[in-house]
């Protein structure tokens, strides 16, 4: 098992370096910074409140499902991150400098990816026509974290899975 985990980490690091080859292009760096900020969390709360206020059909259900999903996601995310304690690539790999200052020391799972996929899953359940857009944004938020040097690709995949899995019981609870 230990050997398999080492191989997975090595492959994850190779993919990380492949993505980081694109960081040399200034537009990629600027776009990554901007997209990453979209995933800081403020946008999700703002959209939830606006939908609750302006959209009588699904807005209240969306906000309630969002509050429940994030109430589940955040403690699970913190438990995983503080139990696994995987160092961020910018802390482990001497040749990588993060393009932003990470909010904490550990990388697995990605909180930005988890939140983005909670949000995308909720939006898709309430507004199916938006699925392509919100899942694309969620994927870009995750990719931006790799390009900024603060996450490995596996961190993003784990965060995406966590977010999706935390949204499902909230949607079930509100009847969607």
N, C-alpha and C. Protein backbone atom coordinates (compact mmCIF):
# COMPACT_ATOMS: atom_id res chain seq x y z
N UNK A 1 0.83 -1.20 0.00
CA UNK A 1 0.00 0.00 0.00
C UNK A 1 0.87 1.26 0.00
N UNK A 2 1.94 1.24 0.79
CA UNK A 2 2.82 2.41 0.88
C UNK A 2 3.45 2.73 -0.47
N UNK A 3 3.86 1.70 -1.21
CA UNK A 3 4.46 1.88 -2.52
C UNK A 3 3.45 2.50 -3.51
N UNK A 4 2.23 2.03 -3.46
CA UNK A 4 1.19 2.57 -4.34
C UNK A 4 0.92 4.04 -4.04
N UNK A 5 0.90 4.40 -2.77
CA UNK A 5 0.69 5.79 -2.38
C UNK A 5 1.85 6.67 -2.86
N UNK A 6 3.06 6.17 -2.76
CA UNK A 6 4.23 6.92 -3.26
C UNK A 6 4.11 7.15 -4.76
N UNK A 7 3.67 6.12 -5.50
CA UNK A 7 3.51 6.26 -6.95
C UNK A 7 2.43 7.29 -7.29
N UNK A 8 1.34 7.27 -6.52
CA UNK A 8 0.28 8.25 -6.75
C UNK A 8 0.78 9.67 -6.48
N UNK A 9 1.52 9.85 -5.40
CA UNK A 9 2.07 11.17 -5.08
C UNK A 9 3.06 11.63 -6.15
N UNK A 10 3.86 10.73 -6.65
CA UNK A 10 4.82 11.08 -7.70
C UNK A 10 4.09 11.48 -8.98
N UNK A 11 3.05 10.76 -9.33
CA UNK A 11 2.27 11.11 -10.52
C UNK A 11 1.58 12.45 -10.33
N UNK A 12 1.05 12.67 -9.15
CA UNK A 12 0.39 13.94 -8.83
C UNK A 12 1.37 15.10 -8.96
N UNK A 13 2.60 14.90 -8.50
CA UNK A 13 3.63 15.94 -8.59
C UNK A 13 4.01 16.20 -10.04
N UNK A 14 4.10 15.15 -10.86
CA UNK A 14 4.41 15.33 -12.29
C UNK A 14 3.32 16.14 -12.99
N UNK A 15 2.07 15.83 -12.69
CA UNK A 15 0.96 16.57 -13.30
C UNK A 15 0.98 18.02 -12.80
N UNK A 16 1.28 18.21 -11.54
CA UNK A 16 1.41 19.56 -10.98
C UNK A 16 2.44 20.37 -11.78
N UNK A 17 3.62 19.79 -12.00
CA UNK A 17 4.67 20.49 -12.75
C UNK A 17 4.25 20.76 -14.19
N UNK A 18 3.53 19.83 -14.79
CA UNK A 18 3.04 20.05 -16.16
C UNK A 18 2.15 21.29 -16.20
N UNK A 19 1.17 21.36 -15.30
CA UNK A 19 0.29 22.53 -15.25
C UNK A 19 1.07 23.80 -14.96
N UNK A 20 2.04 23.72 -14.09
CA UNK A 20 2.78 24.90 -13.69
C UNK A 20 3.71 25.41 -14.78
N UNK A 21 3.91 24.65 -15.83
CA UNK A 21 4.65 25.16 -16.97
C UNK A 21 3.93 26.31 -17.65
N UNK A 22 2.61 26.43 -17.44
CA UNK A 22 1.83 27.49 -18.06
C UNK A 22 1.84 28.78 -17.24
N UNK A 23 2.42 28.72 -16.04
CA UNK A 23 2.47 29.90 -15.19
C UNK A 23 3.36 31.00 -15.75
N UNK A 24 4.23 30.67 -16.66
CA UNK A 24 5.15 31.67 -17.18
C UNK A 24 4.44 32.73 -18.01
N UNK A 25 3.24 32.44 -18.47
CA UNK A 25 2.48 33.39 -19.26
C UNK A 25 1.71 34.33 -18.32
N UNK A 26 2.01 35.60 -18.38
CA UNK A 26 1.39 36.58 -17.49
C UNK A 26 -0.14 36.53 -17.53
N UNK A 27 -0.79 36.41 -18.71
CA UNK A 27 -2.25 36.34 -18.72
C UNK A 27 -2.79 35.13 -17.94
N UNK A 28 -2.08 34.00 -17.97
CA UNK A 28 -2.50 32.82 -17.21
C UNK A 28 -2.43 33.12 -15.72
N UNK A 29 -1.37 33.78 -15.29
CA UNK A 29 -1.24 34.13 -13.88
C UNK A 29 -2.36 35.08 -13.45
N UNK A 30 -2.60 36.12 -14.23
CA UNK A 30 -3.64 37.09 -13.87
C UNK A 30 -5.03 36.45 -13.86
N UNK A 31 -5.31 35.61 -14.87
CA UNK A 31 -6.59 34.92 -14.94
C UNK A 31 -6.74 33.97 -13.74
N UNK A 32 -5.68 33.27 -13.39
CA UNK A 32 -5.72 32.34 -12.26
C UNK A 32 -6.01 33.08 -10.95
N UNK A 33 -5.39 34.21 -10.76
CA UNK A 33 -5.64 35.01 -9.55
C UNK A 33 -7.11 35.43 -9.48
N UNK A 34 -7.63 35.91 -10.62
CA UNK A 34 -9.00 36.39 -10.65
C UNK A 34 -10.00 35.25 -10.40
N UNK A 35 -9.80 34.13 -11.08
CA UNK A 35 -10.71 32.99 -10.93
C UNK A 35 -10.64 32.45 -9.50
N UNK A 36 -9.45 32.37 -8.94
CA UNK A 36 -9.31 31.89 -7.57
C UNK A 36 -10.10 32.77 -6.60
N UNK A 37 -10.06 34.06 -6.81
CA UNK A 37 -10.82 34.97 -5.93
C UNK A 37 -12.32 34.75 -6.03
N UNK A 38 -12.78 34.32 -7.20
CA UNK A 38 -14.21 34.00 -7.34
C UNK A 38 -14.61 32.86 -6.40
N UNK A 39 -13.64 32.03 -6.03
CA UNK A 39 -13.90 30.90 -5.16
C UNK A 39 -13.61 31.17 -3.69
N UNK A 40 -13.39 32.42 -3.32
CA UNK A 40 -13.08 32.74 -1.92
C UNK A 40 -14.28 32.59 -0.99
N UNK A 41 -15.47 32.48 -1.51
CA UNK A 41 -16.64 32.22 -0.69
C UNK A 41 -17.65 33.34 -0.66
N UNK A 42 -17.22 34.56 -0.84
CA UNK A 42 -18.13 35.69 -0.77
C UNK A 42 -19.20 35.62 -1.85
N UNK A 43 -18.78 35.21 -3.03
CA UNK A 43 -19.71 35.11 -4.15
C UNK A 43 -20.84 34.13 -3.86
N UNK A 44 -20.53 33.01 -3.22
CA UNK A 44 -21.55 32.01 -2.93
C UNK A 44 -22.61 32.56 -1.98
N UNK A 45 -22.17 33.23 -0.95
CA UNK A 45 -23.12 33.84 -0.01
C UNK A 45 -23.95 34.92 -0.66
N UNK A 46 -23.33 35.74 -1.47
CA UNK A 46 -24.04 36.82 -2.16
C UNK A 46 -25.09 36.26 -3.11
N UNK A 47 -24.73 35.24 -3.88
CA UNK A 47 -25.69 34.62 -4.80
C UNK A 47 -26.85 34.00 -4.02
N UNK A 48 -26.56 33.31 -2.93
CA UNK A 48 -27.61 32.71 -2.12
C UNK A 48 -28.59 33.74 -1.58
N UNK A 49 -28.08 34.83 -1.07
CA UNK A 49 -28.94 35.88 -0.52
C UNK A 49 -29.74 36.56 -1.63
N UNK A 50 -29.10 36.85 -2.75
CA UNK A 50 -29.82 37.47 -3.87
C UNK A 50 -30.92 36.56 -4.41
N UNK A 51 -30.64 35.27 -4.53
CA UNK A 51 -31.68 34.35 -5.00
C UNK A 51 -32.82 34.26 -4.00
N UNK A 52 -32.51 34.22 -2.73
CA UNK A 52 -33.56 34.17 -1.70
C UNK A 52 -34.44 35.41 -1.79
N UNK A 53 -33.84 36.55 -2.06
CA UNK A 53 -34.54 37.81 -2.10
C UNK A 53 -35.29 38.02 -3.42
N UNK A 54 -34.68 37.64 -4.54
CA UNK A 54 -35.22 37.98 -5.85
C UNK A 54 -35.94 36.85 -6.58
N UNK A 55 -35.72 35.62 -6.18
CA UNK A 55 -36.25 34.49 -6.93
C UNK A 55 -37.15 33.65 -6.05
N UNK A 56 -38.46 33.91 -6.10
CA UNK A 56 -39.38 33.25 -5.15
C UNK A 56 -39.54 31.75 -5.34
N UNK A 57 -39.32 31.21 -6.53
CA UNK A 57 -39.57 29.80 -6.74
C UNK A 57 -38.51 28.91 -6.11
N UNK A 58 -37.26 29.14 -6.41
CA UNK A 58 -36.20 28.26 -5.93
C UNK A 58 -35.23 28.95 -4.97
N UNK A 59 -35.28 30.25 -4.85
CA UNK A 59 -34.30 30.99 -4.07
C UNK A 59 -34.20 30.56 -2.62
N UNK A 60 -35.34 30.39 -1.96
CA UNK A 60 -35.34 29.99 -0.55
C UNK A 60 -34.79 28.57 -0.39
N UNK A 61 -35.19 27.68 -1.28
CA UNK A 61 -34.71 26.30 -1.25
C UNK A 61 -33.20 26.27 -1.50
N UNK A 62 -32.75 27.08 -2.47
CA UNK A 62 -31.33 27.15 -2.78
C UNK A 62 -30.53 27.62 -1.56
N UNK A 63 -30.99 28.68 -0.91
CA UNK A 63 -30.27 29.21 0.25
C UNK A 63 -30.24 28.19 1.38
N UNK A 64 -31.36 27.55 1.66
CA UNK A 64 -31.40 26.56 2.73
C UNK A 64 -30.48 25.37 2.42
N UNK A 65 -30.55 24.88 1.20
CA UNK A 65 -29.67 23.76 0.81
C UNK A 65 -28.21 24.19 0.91
N UNK A 66 -27.91 25.41 0.50
CA UNK A 66 -26.54 25.91 0.58
C UNK A 66 -26.04 25.99 2.01
N UNK A 67 -26.86 26.51 2.89
CA UNK A 67 -26.46 26.60 4.30
C UNK A 67 -26.21 25.22 4.89
N UNK A 68 -27.07 24.27 4.57
CA UNK A 68 -26.90 22.90 5.06
C UNK A 68 -25.65 22.24 4.47
N UNK A 69 -25.46 22.41 3.17
CA UNK A 69 -24.32 21.78 2.50
C UNK A 69 -23.00 22.34 3.03
N UNK A 70 -22.93 23.64 3.18
CA UNK A 70 -21.69 24.23 3.69
C UNK A 70 -21.48 23.93 5.17
N UNK A 71 -22.57 23.76 5.92
CA UNK A 71 -22.45 23.36 7.33
C UNK A 71 -21.90 21.95 7.45
N UNK A 72 -22.13 21.12 6.47
CA UNK A 72 -21.57 19.76 6.42
C UNK A 72 -20.16 19.78 5.85
N UNK A 73 -19.96 20.51 4.77
CA UNK A 73 -18.67 20.51 4.07
C UNK A 73 -17.54 21.08 4.92
N UNK A 74 -17.77 22.19 5.59
CA UNK A 74 -16.68 22.86 6.30
C UNK A 74 -16.05 22.00 7.40
N UNK A 75 -16.82 21.39 8.30
CA UNK A 75 -16.16 20.56 9.32
C UNK A 75 -15.47 19.32 8.75
N UNK A 76 -16.06 18.71 7.70
CA UNK A 76 -15.42 17.54 7.10
C UNK A 76 -14.11 17.96 6.44
N UNK A 77 -14.15 19.07 5.73
CA UNK A 77 -12.94 19.61 5.09
C UNK A 77 -11.85 19.88 6.13
N UNK A 78 -12.20 20.54 7.21
CA UNK A 78 -11.20 20.86 8.25
C UNK A 78 -10.66 19.59 8.90
N UNK A 79 -11.52 18.62 9.15
CA UNK A 79 -11.08 17.35 9.73
C UNK A 79 -10.09 16.64 8.80
N UNK A 80 -10.42 16.56 7.51
CA UNK A 80 -9.53 15.91 6.56
C UNK A 80 -8.20 16.67 6.44
N UNK A 81 -8.28 17.98 6.28
CA UNK A 81 -7.08 18.78 6.07
C UNK A 81 -6.13 18.68 7.26
N UNK A 82 -6.68 18.72 8.47
CA UNK A 82 -5.84 18.68 9.66
C UNK A 82 -5.43 17.28 10.07
N UNK A 83 -6.11 16.27 9.55
CA UNK A 83 -5.72 14.88 9.81
C UNK A 83 -4.65 14.41 8.82
N UNK A 84 -4.84 14.72 7.56
CA UNK A 84 -3.92 14.26 6.51
C UNK A 84 -2.64 15.08 6.50
N UNK A 85 -2.75 16.36 6.66
CA UNK A 85 -1.60 17.28 6.77
C UNK A 85 -0.62 17.17 5.61
N UNK A 86 -1.12 17.18 4.42
CA UNK A 86 -0.25 17.18 3.23
C UNK A 86 0.25 18.60 3.01
N UNK A 87 1.56 18.76 2.94
CA UNK A 87 2.14 20.07 2.70
C UNK A 87 1.76 20.58 1.32
N UNK A 88 1.60 21.87 1.22
CA UNK A 88 1.32 22.49 -0.07
C UNK A 88 2.56 22.37 -0.96
N UNK A 89 2.35 22.34 -2.28
CA UNK A 89 3.50 22.23 -3.17
C UNK A 89 4.49 23.39 -3.00
N UNK A 90 3.99 24.57 -2.72
CA UNK A 90 4.89 25.71 -2.54
C UNK A 90 5.72 25.59 -1.26
N UNK A 91 5.32 24.73 -0.34
CA UNK A 91 6.09 24.48 0.89
C UNK A 91 7.00 23.26 0.77
N UNK A 92 6.63 22.33 -0.08
CA UNK A 92 7.38 21.08 -0.21
C UNK A 92 8.41 21.12 -1.35
N UNK A 93 8.07 21.78 -2.43
CA UNK A 93 8.91 21.77 -3.63
C UNK A 93 9.71 23.07 -3.68
N UNK A 94 11.02 22.97 -3.56
CA UNK A 94 11.87 24.16 -3.45
C UNK A 94 11.82 25.04 -4.70
N UNK A 95 11.53 24.48 -5.85
CA UNK A 95 11.53 25.24 -7.09
C UNK A 95 10.19 25.94 -7.37
N UNK A 96 9.23 25.81 -6.47
CA UNK A 96 7.91 26.41 -6.66
C UNK A 96 7.68 27.51 -5.63
N UNK A 97 7.34 28.67 -6.14
CA UNK A 97 6.90 29.77 -5.30
C UNK A 97 5.42 29.98 -5.58
N UNK A 98 4.64 30.07 -4.52
CA UNK A 98 3.22 30.34 -4.70
C UNK A 98 3.04 31.75 -5.23
N UNK A 99 2.07 31.92 -6.09
CA UNK A 99 1.77 33.25 -6.62
C UNK A 99 0.80 34.01 -5.72
N UNK A 100 0.29 33.32 -4.71
CA UNK A 100 -0.56 33.95 -3.69
C UNK A 100 -0.11 33.43 -2.34
N UNK A 101 -0.56 34.07 -1.29
CA UNK A 101 -0.24 33.59 0.05
C UNK A 101 -1.36 32.66 0.50
N UNK A 102 -1.07 31.35 0.69
CA UNK A 102 -2.13 30.43 1.10
C UNK A 102 -2.61 30.74 2.52
N UNK A 103 -3.87 30.45 2.76
CA UNK A 103 -4.48 30.78 4.05
C UNK A 103 -4.05 29.85 5.18
N UNK A 104 -3.54 28.68 4.84
CA UNK A 104 -3.07 27.75 5.87
C UNK A 104 -1.93 26.92 5.30
N UNK A 105 -1.45 25.98 6.07
CA UNK A 105 -0.25 25.22 5.72
C UNK A 105 -0.52 24.00 4.83
N UNK A 106 -1.68 23.40 4.96
CA UNK A 106 -1.92 22.11 4.32
C UNK A 106 -2.78 22.24 3.06
N UNK A 107 -2.65 21.23 2.18
CA UNK A 107 -3.28 21.35 0.87
C UNK A 107 -4.41 20.36 0.59
N UNK A 108 -4.48 19.27 1.30
CA UNK A 108 -5.43 18.20 0.94
C UNK A 108 -6.56 18.10 1.95
N UNK A 109 -7.79 18.25 1.48
CA UNK A 109 -8.29 18.58 0.15
C UNK A 109 -8.34 20.09 -0.06
N UNK A 110 -8.62 20.50 -1.27
CA UNK A 110 -8.74 21.92 -1.58
C UNK A 110 -10.09 22.44 -1.11
N UNK A 111 -10.06 23.41 -0.23
CA UNK A 111 -11.30 24.03 0.24
C UNK A 111 -11.98 24.84 -0.85
N UNK A 112 -11.18 25.48 -1.70
CA UNK A 112 -11.77 26.24 -2.81
C UNK A 112 -12.53 25.30 -3.75
N UNK A 113 -11.93 24.16 -4.07
CA UNK A 113 -12.60 23.20 -4.96
C UNK A 113 -13.84 22.63 -4.28
N UNK A 114 -13.74 22.31 -3.00
CA UNK A 114 -14.90 21.77 -2.29
C UNK A 114 -16.06 22.75 -2.32
N UNK A 115 -15.80 24.00 -1.99
CA UNK A 115 -16.86 25.01 -1.98
C UNK A 115 -17.41 25.24 -3.38
N UNK A 116 -16.53 25.29 -4.37
CA UNK A 116 -16.98 25.51 -5.75
C UNK A 116 -17.90 24.39 -6.23
N UNK A 117 -17.58 23.16 -5.85
CA UNK A 117 -18.42 22.04 -6.29
C UNK A 117 -19.68 21.89 -5.46
N UNK A 118 -19.68 22.33 -4.20
CA UNK A 118 -20.94 22.43 -3.46
C UNK A 118 -21.85 23.39 -4.22
N UNK A 119 -21.33 24.57 -4.51
CA UNK A 119 -22.10 25.60 -5.19
C UNK A 119 -22.60 25.12 -6.55
N UNK A 120 -21.73 24.53 -7.35
CA UNK A 120 -22.11 24.07 -8.69
C UNK A 120 -23.21 23.00 -8.61
N UNK A 121 -23.09 22.12 -7.65
CA UNK A 121 -24.09 21.05 -7.51
C UNK A 121 -25.43 21.63 -7.09
N UNK A 122 -25.43 22.60 -6.20
CA UNK A 122 -26.68 23.24 -5.78
C UNK A 122 -27.32 24.02 -6.91
N UNK A 123 -26.52 24.80 -7.63
CA UNK A 123 -27.06 25.57 -8.75
C UNK A 123 -27.65 24.63 -9.79
N UNK A 124 -26.95 23.55 -10.09
CA UNK A 124 -27.42 22.60 -11.09
C UNK A 124 -28.75 21.97 -10.67
N UNK A 125 -28.90 21.67 -9.38
CA UNK A 125 -30.16 21.07 -8.91
C UNK A 125 -31.33 22.04 -9.03
N UNK A 126 -31.07 23.32 -8.77
CA UNK A 126 -32.15 24.31 -8.80
C UNK A 126 -32.35 24.93 -10.18
N UNK A 127 -31.28 25.04 -10.94
CA UNK A 127 -31.30 25.69 -12.25
C UNK A 127 -30.49 24.84 -13.24
N UNK A 128 -31.05 23.74 -13.70
CA UNK A 128 -30.30 22.79 -14.53
C UNK A 128 -29.66 23.40 -15.78
N UNK A 129 -30.25 24.42 -16.34
CA UNK A 129 -29.69 25.04 -17.55
C UNK A 129 -28.32 25.68 -17.28
N UNK A 130 -27.99 25.92 -16.03
CA UNK A 130 -26.73 26.56 -15.66
C UNK A 130 -25.61 25.55 -15.41
N UNK A 131 -25.90 24.26 -15.52
CA UNK A 131 -24.93 23.21 -15.14
C UNK A 131 -23.59 23.38 -15.82
N UNK A 132 -23.58 23.53 -17.12
CA UNK A 132 -22.31 23.63 -17.84
C UNK A 132 -21.49 24.80 -17.33
N UNK A 133 -22.13 25.94 -17.12
CA UNK A 133 -21.43 27.15 -16.69
C UNK A 133 -20.86 27.01 -15.30
N UNK A 134 -21.67 26.54 -14.35
CA UNK A 134 -21.19 26.51 -12.97
C UNK A 134 -20.17 25.40 -12.74
N UNK A 135 -20.31 24.27 -13.41
CA UNK A 135 -19.29 23.23 -13.27
C UNK A 135 -17.98 23.65 -13.97
N UNK A 136 -18.10 24.39 -15.06
CA UNK A 136 -16.90 24.92 -15.71
C UNK A 136 -16.19 25.90 -14.79
N UNK A 137 -16.95 26.78 -14.16
CA UNK A 137 -16.35 27.73 -13.21
C UNK A 137 -15.72 26.98 -12.04
N UNK A 138 -16.39 25.98 -11.52
CA UNK A 138 -15.83 25.19 -10.41
C UNK A 138 -14.51 24.53 -10.83
N UNK A 139 -14.47 23.97 -12.02
CA UNK A 139 -13.24 23.36 -12.52
C UNK A 139 -12.13 24.38 -12.69
N UNK A 140 -12.47 25.56 -13.19
CA UNK A 140 -11.47 26.62 -13.36
C UNK A 140 -10.95 27.12 -12.01
N UNK A 141 -11.83 27.18 -11.02
CA UNK A 141 -11.38 27.58 -9.68
C UNK A 141 -10.36 26.57 -9.17
N UNK A 142 -10.66 25.30 -9.33
CA UNK A 142 -9.72 24.27 -8.91
C UNK A 142 -8.41 24.36 -9.67
N UNK A 143 -8.47 24.48 -10.99
CA UNK A 143 -7.27 24.59 -11.80
C UNK A 143 -6.45 25.81 -11.41
N UNK A 144 -7.12 26.91 -11.12
CA UNK A 144 -6.39 28.12 -10.74
C UNK A 144 -5.54 27.90 -9.49
N UNK A 145 -6.03 27.09 -8.58
CA UNK A 145 -5.29 26.82 -7.35
C UNK A 145 -4.00 26.04 -7.64
N UNK A 146 -4.05 25.16 -8.63
CA UNK A 146 -2.84 24.43 -9.06
C UNK A 146 -1.88 25.41 -9.73
N UNK A 147 -2.40 26.24 -10.63
CA UNK A 147 -1.56 27.19 -11.35
C UNK A 147 -0.93 28.24 -10.43
N UNK A 148 -1.60 28.53 -9.33
CA UNK A 148 -1.05 29.49 -8.37
C UNK A 148 -0.01 28.86 -7.45
N UNK A 149 0.14 27.53 -7.53
CA UNK A 149 1.18 26.85 -6.78
C UNK A 149 0.81 26.44 -5.37
N UNK A 150 -0.49 26.45 -5.04
CA UNK A 150 -0.89 26.14 -3.67
C UNK A 150 -1.58 24.79 -3.51
N UNK A 151 -1.84 24.09 -4.63
CA UNK A 151 -2.49 22.78 -4.57
C UNK A 151 -1.95 21.85 -5.65
N UNK A 152 -1.94 20.58 -5.33
CA UNK A 152 -1.69 19.52 -6.30
C UNK A 152 -3.02 19.17 -6.98
N UNK A 153 -2.99 18.57 -8.17
CA UNK A 153 -4.24 18.16 -8.82
C UNK A 153 -5.10 17.23 -7.97
N UNK A 154 -4.49 16.30 -7.23
CA UNK A 154 -5.29 15.39 -6.40
C UNK A 154 -6.03 16.13 -5.30
N UNK A 155 -5.48 17.24 -4.81
CA UNK A 155 -6.17 18.06 -3.82
C UNK A 155 -7.47 18.59 -4.40
N UNK A 156 -7.41 18.97 -5.67
CA UNK A 156 -8.57 19.53 -6.36
C UNK A 156 -9.62 18.44 -6.56
N UNK A 157 -9.18 17.28 -7.01
CA UNK A 157 -10.13 16.17 -7.22
C UNK A 157 -10.81 15.77 -5.91
N UNK A 158 -10.04 15.71 -4.84
CA UNK A 158 -10.61 15.36 -3.53
C UNK A 158 -11.58 16.44 -3.06
N UNK A 159 -11.22 17.70 -3.27
CA UNK A 159 -12.12 18.79 -2.90
C UNK A 159 -13.41 18.76 -3.70
N UNK A 160 -13.29 18.48 -5.00
CA UNK A 160 -14.47 18.40 -5.86
C UNK A 160 -15.40 17.28 -5.39
N UNK A 161 -14.84 16.14 -5.09
CA UNK A 161 -15.63 15.01 -4.61
C UNK A 161 -16.28 15.33 -3.27
N UNK A 162 -15.52 15.95 -2.38
CA UNK A 162 -16.06 16.35 -1.08
C UNK A 162 -17.24 17.31 -1.26
N UNK A 163 -17.05 18.33 -2.09
CA UNK A 163 -18.12 19.30 -2.30
C UNK A 163 -19.37 18.67 -2.87
N UNK A 164 -19.21 17.85 -3.87
CA UNK A 164 -20.34 17.17 -4.49
C UNK A 164 -21.07 16.29 -3.48
N UNK A 165 -20.30 15.52 -2.72
CA UNK A 165 -20.90 14.60 -1.74
C UNK A 165 -21.57 15.33 -0.57
N UNK A 166 -21.12 16.52 -0.25
CA UNK A 166 -21.76 17.28 0.82
C UNK A 166 -23.02 18.00 0.33
N UNK A 167 -23.08 18.30 -0.94
CA UNK A 167 -24.28 18.94 -1.49
C UNK A 167 -25.45 17.97 -1.59
N UNK A 168 -25.17 16.71 -1.86
CA UNK A 168 -26.25 15.74 -2.09
C UNK A 168 -27.19 15.56 -0.90
N UNK A 169 -26.69 15.36 0.33
CA UNK A 169 -27.64 15.22 1.44
C UNK A 169 -28.43 16.49 1.71
N UNK A 170 -27.82 17.65 1.47
CA UNK A 170 -28.55 18.91 1.65
C UNK A 170 -29.68 19.02 0.63
N UNK A 171 -29.41 18.63 -0.59
CA UNK A 171 -30.45 18.65 -1.62
C UNK A 171 -31.56 17.65 -1.30
N UNK A 172 -31.17 16.49 -0.81
CA UNK A 172 -32.17 15.49 -0.43
C UNK A 172 -33.05 16.06 0.69
N UNK A 173 -32.43 16.70 1.68
CA UNK A 173 -33.17 17.25 2.82
C UNK A 173 -34.20 18.29 2.40
N UNK A 174 -33.86 19.14 1.43
CA UNK A 174 -34.80 20.18 0.99
C UNK A 174 -35.75 19.67 -0.09
N UNK A 175 -35.61 18.41 -0.47
CA UNK A 175 -36.56 17.82 -1.41
C UNK A 175 -36.19 17.97 -2.87
N UNK A 176 -34.92 18.18 -3.16
CA UNK A 176 -34.50 18.27 -4.57
C UNK A 176 -33.72 17.06 -5.00
